[in-house]
Amino acid sequence: MLNTREVAKEYRLAHWTQIMQERVENGLSIKDYCKQIGICQNTYFYWQRRIRAAACEQLGKPALIQKPAPSFSEVMVVEPSAPLPSAEAVPQLRIEISGIQITADSSYPPEKLAALLRELRC
């Protein structure tokens, strides 16, 4: 069932949002725009605060916050049987996160490294 007060509130917010967008599109200052359309600056600022409050309220609703779907990344753990080549021989990237150390050379695909880092971020 529609609440007429809520509908009226949404209508007024939409109306004043349009007024404020028109001011920006016209490139006028608030003072000049208010004078041009015949409203008081205090009224303009009042509705500006109301629109900002409504926007903040919408941002705070849990329904708008979407978590990414869980995903898996292929990870191979290999015990080195021979010493790794020196850093001078092959360019390497070394990352340490929460005690986990990752070393990748320049041939490792960046998209796989990015997927691994996304998984470790959680």
Foldseek 3Di string as FASTA:
>chain_A
DDDVVVVVVVVVLVVLVVLVVVCVVVVHDLVVSCVVVVHDSVVNVVSVVVNVVVVVVVVPDPVVDDDDDDDDADDDDDDDPDDDDDCVVFPWDWDADPNDIDIDTPVPDPVRVVVVVVVSVD
